[in-house]
């Protein structure tokens, strides 16, 4: 769940105006991306006082995705303005759980490869993400490979991430046993065909 708390404060005109250079939107995203990369909990910058909470949150979302992260946790946003300057000082505080790791997919071919590999390697905890959702590819891949369809679920989150999860109908041990048996049966079938030829 995402929480974006905004605190906007106004300082009287006699307060000292911010002397830092004001960042544009691209520079804000770069600053946020660098902070995410360095796992900073607090980011402070000066920018035009006209930016809204929504614009800053959008910049933070784009910065997170550029670092293969997705904003999911709590964020505190503080904007300090004064009458002596058109700029404002922005402070963003990120909770420890503010982000999850994602694996970005940039094409349909990459999605097919990722879905097949995730099933084969039984990677059920990866959060895949793409601008154009390839969720349906993950569904089709599981349908085309019923040997992996033992307690494996395809999920999609409202934040745009998707992938495979292990269901709760059977234990991990039972699931692994069924998949190994299916793998063995497939190998045996290939051997039998080879021997007949």
Protein backbone atom coordinates (compact mmCIF):
# COMPACT_ATOMS: atom_id res chain seq x y z
CA UNK A 1 0.00 0.00 0.00
CA UNK A 2 1.31 3.43 -0.94
CA UNK A 3 1.09 6.39 1.42
CA UNK A 4 2.15 9.83 0.20
CA UNK A 5 1.80 12.34 3.03
CA UNK A 6 2.22 16.01 2.16
CA UNK A 7 3.15 18.80 4.55
CA UNK A 8 3.25 22.29 3.08
CA UNK A 9 4.63 25.09 5.22
CA UNK A 10 4.91 28.78 4.55
CA UNK A 11 7.67 30.96 5.95
CA UNK A 12 7.13 34.73 6.21
CA UNK A 13 8.74 37.00 3.60
CA UNK A 14 11.49 38.08 5.99
CA UNK A 15 12.74 34.48 6.11
CA UNK A 16 15.90 33.89 4.12
CA UNK A 17 15.14 32.85 0.52
CA UNK A 18 16.53 29.53 -0.66
CA UNK A 19 19.93 30.09 -2.25
CA UNK A 20 20.25 26.68 -3.91
CA UNK A 21 19.81 26.45 -7.67
CA UNK A 22 16.27 25.45 -8.62
CA UNK A 23 16.03 22.06 -10.33
CA UNK A 24 13.88 21.43 -13.38
CA UNK A 25 11.69 18.29 -13.71
CA UNK A 26 14.43 16.20 -15.36
CA UNK A 27 16.95 17.18 -12.68
CA UNK A 28 14.44 16.33 -9.94
CA UNK A 29 14.02 12.84 -11.41
CA UNK A 30 17.81 12.41 -11.65
CA UNK A 31 18.23 13.56 -8.04
CA UNK A 32 15.54 11.13 -6.86
CA UNK A 33 16.97 8.27 -8.95
CA UNK A 34 20.43 8.81 -7.45
CA UNK A 35 18.96 8.87 -3.94
CA UNK A 36 17.10 5.60 -4.60
CA UNK A 37 20.28 4.03 -5.99
CA UNK A 38 22.19 5.07 -2.86
CA UNK A 39 19.30 3.90 -0.61
CA UNK A 40 18.93 7.30 1.02
CA UNK A 41 15.98 7.80 3.34
CA UNK A 42 15.78 11.59 2.96
CA UNK A 43 16.09 13.67 -0.21
CA UNK A 44 16.11 17.48 -0.21
CA UNK A 45 16.21 19.81 -3.21
CA UNK A 46 15.13 23.26 -4.34
CA UNK A 47 12.73 23.67 -7.25
CA UNK A 48 9.95 25.92 -8.45
CA UNK A 49 7.26 26.39 -5.83
CA UNK A 50 4.65 25.58 -8.49
CA UNK A 51 5.19 21.80 -8.38
CA UNK A 52 2.27 19.88 -6.90
CA UNK A 53 2.37 16.80 -4.72
CA UNK A 54 1.12 14.77 -7.71
CA UNK A 55 3.96 16.04 -9.94
CA UNK A 56 6.58 15.18 -7.31
CA UNK A 57 5.04 11.74 -6.78
CA UNK A 58 5.08 11.11 -10.55
CA UNK A 59 8.76 12.12 -10.68
CA UNK A 60 9.47 9.75 -7.79
CA UNK A 61 7.62 6.90 -9.56
CA UNK A 62 9.61 7.42 -12.77
CA UNK A 63 12.88 7.67 -10.84
CA UNK A 64 12.10 4.42 -9.00
CA UNK A 65 11.33 2.56 -12.23
CA UNK A 66 14.60 3.81 -13.75
CA UNK A 67 16.36 2.08 -10.82
CA UNK A 68 14.34 -1.15 -11.22
CA UNK A 69 12.23 -0.34 -8.20
CA UNK A 70 8.52 0.25 -7.68
CA UNK A 71 7.20 2.72 -5.13
CA UNK A 72 4.95 0.75 -2.75
CA UNK A 73 5.57 1.98 0.80
CA UNK A 74 5.11 5.18 2.72
CA UNK A 75 6.56 8.54 1.68
CA UNK A 76 6.47 11.87 3.49
CA UNK A 77 6.63 14.98 1.38
CA UNK A 78 7.41 18.44 2.78
CA UNK A 79 7.36 21.68 0.81
CA UNK A 80 8.64 24.88 2.41
CA UNK A 81 7.94 28.20 0.69
CA UNK A 82 8.42 31.85 1.52
CA UNK A 83 7.28 35.11 -0.02
CA UNK A 84 10.81 36.19 -0.94
CA UNK A 85 11.39 33.48 -3.53
CA UNK A 86 9.40 31.76 -6.29
CA UNK A 87 11.23 28.55 -5.34
CA UNK A 88 10.53 26.07 -2.58
CA UNK A 89 12.58 23.59 -0.60
CA UNK A 90 11.26 20.04 -1.03
CA UNK A 91 12.07 17.25 1.40
CA UNK A 92 11.05 13.67 0.69
CA UNK A 93 11.35 11.05 3.41
CA UNK A 94 11.26 7.43 2.25
CA UNK A 95 10.32 4.62 4.60
CA UNK A 96 12.51 1.53 4.63
CA UNK A 97 9.76 -0.38 2.82
CA UNK A 98 9.14 2.37 0.26
CA UNK A 99 10.25 0.26 -2.73
CA UNK A 100 10.16 -3.27 -4.08
CA UNK A 101 12.57 -4.64 -6.68
CA UNK A 102 11.19 -5.14 -10.18
CA UNK A 103 12.46 -6.75 -13.36
CA UNK A 104 11.58 -4.56 -16.33
CA UNK A 105 10.55 -6.21 -19.58
CA UNK A 106 11.02 -4.12 -22.72
CA UNK A 107 9.54 -6.37 -25.39
CA UNK A 108 7.22 -9.27 -26.05
CA UNK A 109 10.22 -11.50 -26.79
CA UNK A 110 11.77 -10.56 -23.44
CA UNK A 111 8.47 -11.36 -21.71
CA UNK A 112 8.25 -14.82 -23.36
CA UNK A 113 11.83 -15.58 -22.34
CA UNK A 114 11.28 -14.31 -18.77
CA UNK A 115 8.03 -16.27 -18.34
CA UNK A 116 9.60 -19.51 -19.60
CA UNK A 117 12.69 -19.08 -17.43
CA UNK A 118 10.62 -18.21 -14.35
CA UNK A 119 8.57 -21.39 -14.76
CA UNK A 120 11.58 -23.60 -15.49
CA UNK A 121 13.61 -22.18 -12.57
CA UNK A 122 10.50 -22.00 -10.35
CA UNK A 123 11.05 -18.32 -9.57
CA UNK A 124 7.82 -17.37 -7.91
CA UNK A 125 8.77 -14.12 -6.19
CA UNK A 126 9.95 -11.87 -9.04
CA UNK A 127 7.95 -8.71 -9.72
CA UNK A 128 7.92 -8.14 -13.48
CA UNK A 129 7.00 -4.74 -14.90
CA UNK A 130 6.61 -3.17 -18.33
CA UNK A 131 5.02 -0.05 -19.77
CA UNK A 132 2.84 -2.31 -21.91
CA UNK A 133 1.69 -5.19 -19.72
CA UNK A 134 2.78 -8.66 -20.80
CA UNK A 135 0.66 -10.36 -18.15
CA UNK A 136 -1.22 -12.36 -20.79
CA UNK A 137 2.08 -13.90 -21.96
CA UNK A 138 2.67 -15.22 -18.45
CA UNK A 139 -0.84 -16.72 -18.44
CA UNK A 140 -0.36 -18.34 -21.88
CA UNK A 141 3.07 -19.69 -20.94
CA UNK A 142 1.60 -21.46 -17.92
CA UNK A 143 -1.25 -22.84 -20.05
CA UNK A 144 1.22 -24.15 -22.64
CA UNK A 145 3.35 -25.83 -19.96
CA UNK A 146 0.94 -27.77 -17.74
CA UNK A 147 3.91 -29.66 -16.28
CA UNK A 148 4.57 -26.53 -14.19
CA UNK A 149 0.92 -25.89 -13.42
CA UNK A 150 0.98 -27.54 -10.00
CA UNK A 151 -0.06 -24.90 -7.50
CA UNK A 152 1.44 -22.11 -9.64
CA UNK A 153 -0.58 -18.91 -9.87
CA UNK A 154 -0.24 -15.93 -12.20
CA UNK A 155 -0.84 -12.65 -10.38
CA UNK A 156 -1.15 -8.99 -11.35
CA UNK A 157 -0.97 -6.05 -8.97
CA UNK A 158 -2.73 -2.69 -9.35
CA UNK A 159 0.72 -1.02 -9.47
CA UNK A 160 1.43 -2.75 -12.81
CA UNK A 161 3.64 -5.59 -11.59
CA UNK A 162 2.91 -9.24 -12.42
CA UNK A 163 4.48 -12.67 -12.25
CA UNK A 164 4.17 -16.17 -10.80
CA UNK A 165 3.42 -17.07 -7.19
CA UNK A 166 3.20 -20.37 -5.42
CA UNK A 167 -0.35 -21.14 -4.37
CA UNK A 168 -1.39 -22.48 -0.98
CA UNK A 169 -3.32 -25.59 -2.05
CA UNK A 170 -0.28 -27.89 -1.74
CA UNK A 171 3.06 -27.54 0.06
CA UNK A 172 6.30 -26.50 -1.65
CA UNK A 173 7.64 -30.02 -1.13
CA UNK A 174 4.60 -31.59 -2.83
CA UNK A 175 4.76 -29.07 -5.68
CA UNK A 176 8.47 -29.73 -6.27
CA UNK A 177 7.82 -33.49 -6.25
CA UNK A 178 5.05 -33.20 -8.87
CA UNK A 179 7.15 -30.93 -11.12
CA UNK A 180 10.17 -33.27 -10.88
CA UNK A 181 7.95 -36.23 -11.78
CA UNK A 182 6.61 -34.30 -14.80
CA UNK A 183 10.16 -33.36 -15.87
CA UNK A 184 11.22 -37.02 -15.62
CA UNK A 185 8.20 -38.19 -17.62
CA UNK A 186 9.01 -35.63 -20.35
CA UNK A 187 12.65 -36.79 -20.52
CA UNK A 188 11.59 -40.43 -20.64
CA UNK A 189 9.18 -39.65 -23.49
CA UNK A 190 12.01 -37.99 -25.46
CA UNK A 191 14.27 -41.03 -24.87
CA UNK A 192 11.55 -43.43 -26.05
CA UNK A 193 11.08 -41.44 -29.26
CA UNK A 194 14.85 -41.40 -29.88
CA UNK A 195 15.14 -45.17 -29.35
CA UNK A 196 12.30 -45.92 -31.83
CA UNK A 197 13.91 -43.82 -34.57
